[in-house]
Amino acid sequence: MDESQPILSQTPGVVSGAVVFTGTRVPVEMLFDYLAAGESLDCFSSAFDIPREQALAAIRLAGESLRDSPPEWAVLRRRRAMSPALRVRPPNRMGMNT
């Protein structure tokens, strides 16, 4: 992959507008699904013909994105830790508070 090319791309109408690895139709979400299932980065890379360096760069971008703009439930959790009067819970796996 050319280093001047973006690592990820998103185009309406391509894989339903999902964020994909540039030059492919492989959604970045697939990388995280593989890792969450306990598969290795090398397994993902070989299964989808995505260079390991490109997959690592996507992971770094995701981490930077979370640092720069944490999800709303993480901000609420931080506020709750600072103020015990706030009783807001992060969403459960189904996306709803219980």
N, C-alpha and C. Protein backbone atom coordinates (compact mmCIF):
# COMPACT_ATOMS: atom_id res chain seq x y z
N MET A 1 0.84 -1.18 0.00
CA MET A 1 0.00 0.00 0.00
C MET A 1 0.88 1.24 0.00
N ASP A 2 0.52 2.19 -0.84
CA ASP A 2 1.22 3.46 -0.94
C ASP A 2 0.97 4.27 0.34
N GLU A 3 2.04 4.78 0.96
CA GLU A 3 1.87 5.49 2.23
C GLU A 3 1.15 6.82 2.08
N SER A 4 1.04 7.34 0.84
CA SER A 4 0.32 8.59 0.64
C SER A 4 -1.20 8.36 0.58
N GLN A 5 -1.62 7.10 0.42
CA GLN A 5 -3.05 6.76 0.39
C GLN A 5 -3.59 6.69 1.80
N PRO A 6 -4.86 7.06 1.97
CA PRO A 6 -5.47 6.87 3.29
C PRO A 6 -5.59 5.39 3.62
N ILE A 7 -5.55 5.08 4.88
CA ILE A 7 -5.63 3.69 5.35
C ILE A 7 -7.04 3.16 5.20
N LEU A 8 -8.02 4.04 5.47
CA LEU A 8 -9.42 3.65 5.44
C LEU A 8 -10.18 4.58 4.51
N SER A 9 -11.30 4.09 4.01
CA SER A 9 -12.15 4.94 3.17
C SER A 9 -13.61 4.60 3.43
N GLN A 10 -14.46 5.53 3.03
CA GLN A 10 -15.90 5.34 3.18
C GLN A 10 -16.58 6.01 1.99
N THR A 11 -17.35 5.22 1.27
CA THR A 11 -18.04 5.72 0.09
C THR A 11 -19.49 5.24 0.13
N PRO A 12 -20.43 6.19 0.02
CA PRO A 12 -21.83 5.76 -0.02
C PRO A 12 -22.04 4.77 -1.17
N GLY A 13 -22.74 3.71 -0.91
CA GLY A 13 -23.01 2.71 -1.94
C GLY A 13 -21.97 1.60 -2.02
N VAL A 14 -20.85 1.75 -1.35
CA VAL A 14 -19.84 0.69 -1.30
C VAL A 14 -19.93 0.03 0.06
N VAL A 15 -20.28 -1.23 0.08
CA VAL A 15 -20.50 -1.99 1.32
C VAL A 15 -21.42 -1.20 2.25
N SER A 16 -22.49 -0.69 1.69
CA SER A 16 -23.52 0.07 2.42
C SER A 16 -22.95 1.27 3.16
N GLY A 17 -21.88 1.84 2.65
CA GLY A 17 -21.30 3.03 3.26
C GLY A 17 -20.42 2.75 4.46
N ALA A 18 -20.08 1.48 4.69
CA ALA A 18 -19.23 1.12 5.83
C ALA A 18 -17.81 1.63 5.61
N VAL A 19 -17.09 1.86 6.69
CA VAL A 19 -15.68 2.21 6.60
C VAL A 19 -14.93 0.92 6.24
N VAL A 20 -14.15 1.00 5.15
CA VAL A 20 -13.43 -0.17 4.66
C VAL A 20 -11.94 0.13 4.56
N PHE A 21 -11.15 -0.91 4.44
CA PHE A 21 -9.73 -0.73 4.17
C PHE A 21 -9.62 -0.21 2.74
N THR A 22 -8.89 0.87 2.54
CA THR A 22 -8.77 1.49 1.22
C THR A 22 -8.34 0.47 0.18
N GLY A 23 -9.02 0.51 -0.96
CA GLY A 23 -8.71 -0.38 -2.06
C GLY A 23 -9.35 -1.75 -1.95
N THR A 24 -10.20 -1.94 -0.92
CA THR A 24 -10.86 -3.23 -0.71
C THR A 24 -12.33 -2.99 -0.43
N ARG A 25 -13.05 -4.08 -0.25
CA ARG A 25 -14.44 -4.02 0.22
C ARG A 25 -14.53 -4.68 1.60
N VAL A 26 -13.42 -4.71 2.32
CA VAL A 26 -13.36 -5.34 3.65
C VAL A 26 -13.65 -4.28 4.71
N PRO A 27 -14.78 -4.40 5.41
CA PRO A 27 -15.10 -3.43 6.47
C PRO A 27 -14.11 -3.52 7.62
N VAL A 28 -13.76 -2.38 8.17
CA VAL A 28 -12.84 -2.34 9.32
C VAL A 28 -13.46 -3.07 10.49
N GLU A 29 -14.77 -3.04 10.57
CA GLU A 29 -15.48 -3.75 11.64
C GLU A 29 -15.09 -5.24 11.66
N MET A 30 -14.80 -5.79 10.50
CA MET A 30 -14.41 -7.20 10.41
C MET A 30 -13.12 -7.47 11.19
N LEU A 31 -12.18 -6.51 11.15
CA LEU A 31 -10.94 -6.65 11.91
C LEU A 31 -11.25 -6.78 13.39
N PHE A 32 -12.10 -5.90 13.90
CA PHE A 32 -12.42 -5.93 15.33
C PHE A 32 -13.23 -7.17 15.70
N ASP A 33 -14.06 -7.64 14.79
CA ASP A 33 -14.79 -8.89 15.03
C ASP A 33 -13.82 -10.05 15.16
N TYR A 34 -12.83 -10.11 14.28
CA TYR A 34 -11.82 -11.17 14.35
C TYR A 34 -11.07 -11.12 15.67
N LEU A 35 -10.61 -9.93 16.03
CA LEU A 35 -9.84 -9.79 17.27
C LEU A 35 -10.70 -10.13 18.49
N ALA A 36 -11.95 -9.69 18.49
CA ALA A 36 -12.85 -9.99 19.61
C ALA A 36 -13.11 -11.48 19.74
N ALA A 37 -13.06 -12.20 18.62
CA ALA A 37 -13.28 -13.64 18.64
C ALA A 37 -12.01 -14.41 19.03
N GLY A 38 -10.93 -13.67 19.30
CA GLY A 38 -9.70 -14.32 19.73
C GLY A 38 -8.75 -14.69 18.61
N GLU A 39 -9.08 -14.28 17.39
CA GLU A 39 -8.19 -14.56 16.26
C GLU A 39 -7.02 -13.58 16.28
N SER A 40 -5.94 -13.97 15.65
CA SER A 40 -4.75 -13.12 15.62
C SER A 40 -4.84 -12.11 14.48
N LEU A 41 -4.03 -11.09 14.59
CA LEU A 41 -3.94 -10.09 13.54
C LEU A 41 -3.43 -10.73 12.25
N ASP A 42 -2.49 -11.65 12.38
CA ASP A 42 -1.96 -12.35 11.20
C ASP A 42 -3.03 -13.19 10.53
N CYS A 43 -3.91 -13.80 11.30
CA CYS A 43 -5.01 -14.59 10.75
C CYS A 43 -5.93 -13.69 9.93
N PHE A 44 -6.27 -12.53 10.48
CA PHE A 44 -7.11 -11.58 9.75
C PHE A 44 -6.42 -11.13 8.47
N SER A 45 -5.16 -10.76 8.59
CA SER A 45 -4.41 -10.26 7.43
C SER A 45 -4.38 -11.28 6.30
N SER A 46 -4.13 -12.52 6.65
CA SER A 46 -4.05 -13.53 5.59
C SER A 46 -5.44 -13.90 5.05
N ALA A 47 -6.46 -13.88 5.89
CA ALA A 47 -7.80 -14.23 5.44
C ALA A 47 -8.36 -13.21 4.45
N PHE A 48 -8.02 -11.93 4.64
CA PHE A 48 -8.60 -10.88 3.81
C PHE A 48 -7.58 -10.16 2.93
N ASP A 49 -6.34 -10.63 2.93
CA ASP A 49 -5.28 -10.05 2.12
C ASP A 49 -5.10 -8.56 2.42
N ILE A 50 -5.14 -8.23 3.70
CA ILE A 50 -4.92 -6.86 4.17
C ILE A 50 -3.52 -6.85 4.79
N PRO A 51 -2.63 -5.98 4.35
CA PRO A 51 -1.29 -5.93 4.96
C PRO A 51 -1.39 -5.70 6.47
N ARG A 52 -0.56 -6.41 7.19
CA ARG A 52 -0.55 -6.32 8.66
C ARG A 52 -0.37 -4.87 9.11
N GLU A 53 0.49 -4.14 8.42
CA GLU A 53 0.76 -2.74 8.78
C GLU A 53 -0.50 -1.89 8.62
N GLN A 54 -1.30 -2.18 7.60
CA GLN A 54 -2.54 -1.44 7.38
C GLN A 54 -3.54 -1.75 8.50
N ALA A 55 -3.61 -3.00 8.91
CA ALA A 55 -4.51 -3.38 10.00
C ALA A 55 -4.07 -2.73 11.32
N LEU A 56 -2.76 -2.73 11.57
CA LEU A 56 -2.25 -2.07 12.78
C LEU A 56 -2.55 -0.57 12.76
N ALA A 57 -2.40 0.04 11.61
CA ALA A 57 -2.69 1.46 11.49
C ALA A 57 -4.16 1.74 11.78
N ALA A 58 -5.05 0.86 11.34
CA ALA A 58 -6.48 1.02 11.62
C ALA A 58 -6.75 0.93 13.12
N ILE A 59 -6.07 0.03 13.80
CA ILE A 59 -6.23 -0.09 15.25
C ILE A 59 -5.74 1.18 15.93
N ARG A 60 -4.60 1.71 15.49
CA ARG A 60 -4.09 2.96 16.06
C ARG A 60 -5.08 4.11 15.83
N LEU A 61 -5.64 4.19 14.63
CA LEU A 61 -6.62 5.24 14.34
C LEU A 61 -7.84 5.13 15.24
N ALA A 62 -8.30 3.91 15.47
CA ALA A 62 -9.45 3.70 16.35
C ALA A 62 -9.14 4.17 17.77
N GLY A 63 -7.94 3.84 18.24
CA GLY A 63 -7.53 4.27 19.58
C GLY A 63 -7.45 5.78 19.69
N GLU A 64 -6.87 6.42 18.67
CA GLU A 64 -6.78 7.88 18.66
C GLU A 64 -8.17 8.50 18.64
N SER A 65 -9.06 7.92 17.87
CA SER A 65 -10.42 8.43 17.79
C SER A 65 -11.12 8.37 19.14
N LEU A 66 -10.92 7.28 19.87
CA LEU A 66 -11.53 7.15 21.20
C LEU A 66 -10.93 8.13 22.19
N ARG A 67 -9.62 8.37 22.09
CA ARG A 67 -8.99 9.35 22.99
C ARG A 67 -9.50 10.76 22.69
N ASP A 68 -9.62 11.08 21.40
CA ASP A 68 -10.04 12.43 20.99
C ASP A 68 -11.52 12.68 21.25
N SER A 69 -12.33 11.64 21.12
CA SER A 69 -13.78 11.80 21.25
C SER A 69 -14.37 10.54 21.86
N PRO A 70 -14.28 10.41 23.21
CA PRO A 70 -14.80 9.20 23.84
C PRO A 70 -16.30 9.08 23.65
N PRO A 71 -16.81 7.83 23.63
CA PRO A 71 -18.24 7.65 23.51
C PRO A 71 -18.97 8.30 24.68
N GLU A 72 -20.22 8.66 24.45
CA GLU A 72 -21.01 9.37 25.46
C GLU A 72 -21.06 8.61 26.78
N TRP A 73 -21.23 7.28 26.73
CA TRP A 73 -21.34 6.54 27.99
C TRP A 73 -20.05 6.59 28.79
N ALA A 74 -18.89 6.73 28.11
CA ALA A 74 -17.62 6.82 28.84
C ALA A 74 -17.51 8.15 29.55
N VAL A 75 -17.99 9.21 28.91
CA VAL A 75 -17.98 10.53 29.54
C VAL A 75 -18.90 10.52 30.75
N LEU A 76 -20.08 9.90 30.60
CA LEU A 76 -21.01 9.83 31.72
C LEU A 76 -20.43 9.01 32.87
N ARG A 77 -19.73 7.93 32.53
CA ARG A 77 -19.11 7.12 33.58
C ARG A 77 -18.08 7.95 34.35
N ARG A 78 -17.29 8.74 33.63
CA ARG A 78 -16.28 9.57 34.27
C ARG A 78 -16.95 10.59 35.18
N ARG A 79 -18.05 11.19 34.72
CA ARG A 79 -18.78 12.15 35.56
C ARG A 79 -19.35 11.48 36.80
N ARG A 80 -19.86 10.26 36.63
CA ARG A 80 -20.43 9.54 37.77
C ARG A 80 -19.35 9.27 38.81
N ALA A 81 -18.14 8.95 38.35
CA ALA A 81 -17.04 8.69 39.28
C ALA A 81 -16.70 9.96 40.06
N MET A 82 -16.84 11.11 39.41
CA MET A 82 -16.54 12.37 40.09
C MET A 82 -17.69 12.80 40.99
N SER A 83 -18.90 12.46 40.64
CA SER A 83 -20.07 12.87 41.40
C SER A 83 -20.97 11.68 41.67
N PRO A 84 -20.92 11.13 42.88
CA PRO A 84 -21.73 9.95 43.19
C PRO A 84 -23.22 10.20 43.06
N ALA A 85 -23.66 11.46 42.99
CA ALA A 85 -25.09 11.74 42.85
C ALA A 85 -25.61 11.34 41.48
N LEU A 86 -24.73 11.27 40.49
CA LEU A 86 -25.15 10.86 39.15
C LEU A 86 -25.17 9.34 39.08
N ARG A 87 -26.28 8.77 38.72
CA ARG A 87 -26.44 7.32 38.66
C ARG A 87 -26.69 6.85 37.23
N VAL A 88 -25.85 7.26 36.30
CA VAL A 88 -26.01 6.89 34.90
C VAL A 88 -25.10 5.71 34.60
N ARG A 89 -25.67 4.69 34.01
CA ARG A 89 -24.89 3.50 33.65
C ARG A 89 -24.61 3.48 32.16
N PRO A 90 -23.46 2.88 31.76
CA PRO A 90 -23.24 2.70 30.33
C PRO A 90 -24.25 1.70 29.78
N PRO A 91 -24.54 1.75 28.49
CA PRO A 91 -25.51 0.82 27.93
C PRO A 91 -25.00 -0.61 28.03
N ASN A 92 -25.94 -1.55 28.17
CA ASN A 92 -25.54 -2.95 28.19
C ASN A 92 -25.27 -3.39 26.75
N ARG A 93 -24.97 -4.63 26.53
CA ARG A 93 -24.60 -5.13 25.21
C ARG A 93 -25.69 -4.90 24.16
N MET A 94 -26.93 -4.78 24.59
CA MET A 94 -28.02 -4.59 23.64
C MET A 94 -28.26 -3.10 23.38
N GLY A 95 -27.46 -2.23 24.03
CA GLY A 95 -27.58 -0.80 23.80
C GLY A 95 -28.65 -0.11 24.63
N MET A 96 -29.15 -0.82 25.67
CA MET A 96 -30.19 -0.23 26.50
C MET A 96 -29.75 -0.28 27.95
N ASN A 97 -30.14 0.74 28.72
CA ASN A 97 -29.85 0.73 30.15
C ASN A 97 -30.79 -0.22 30.87
N THR A 98 -30.29 -0.82 31.91
CA THR A 98 -31.14 -1.73 32.70
C THR A 98 -31.33 -1.17 34.08
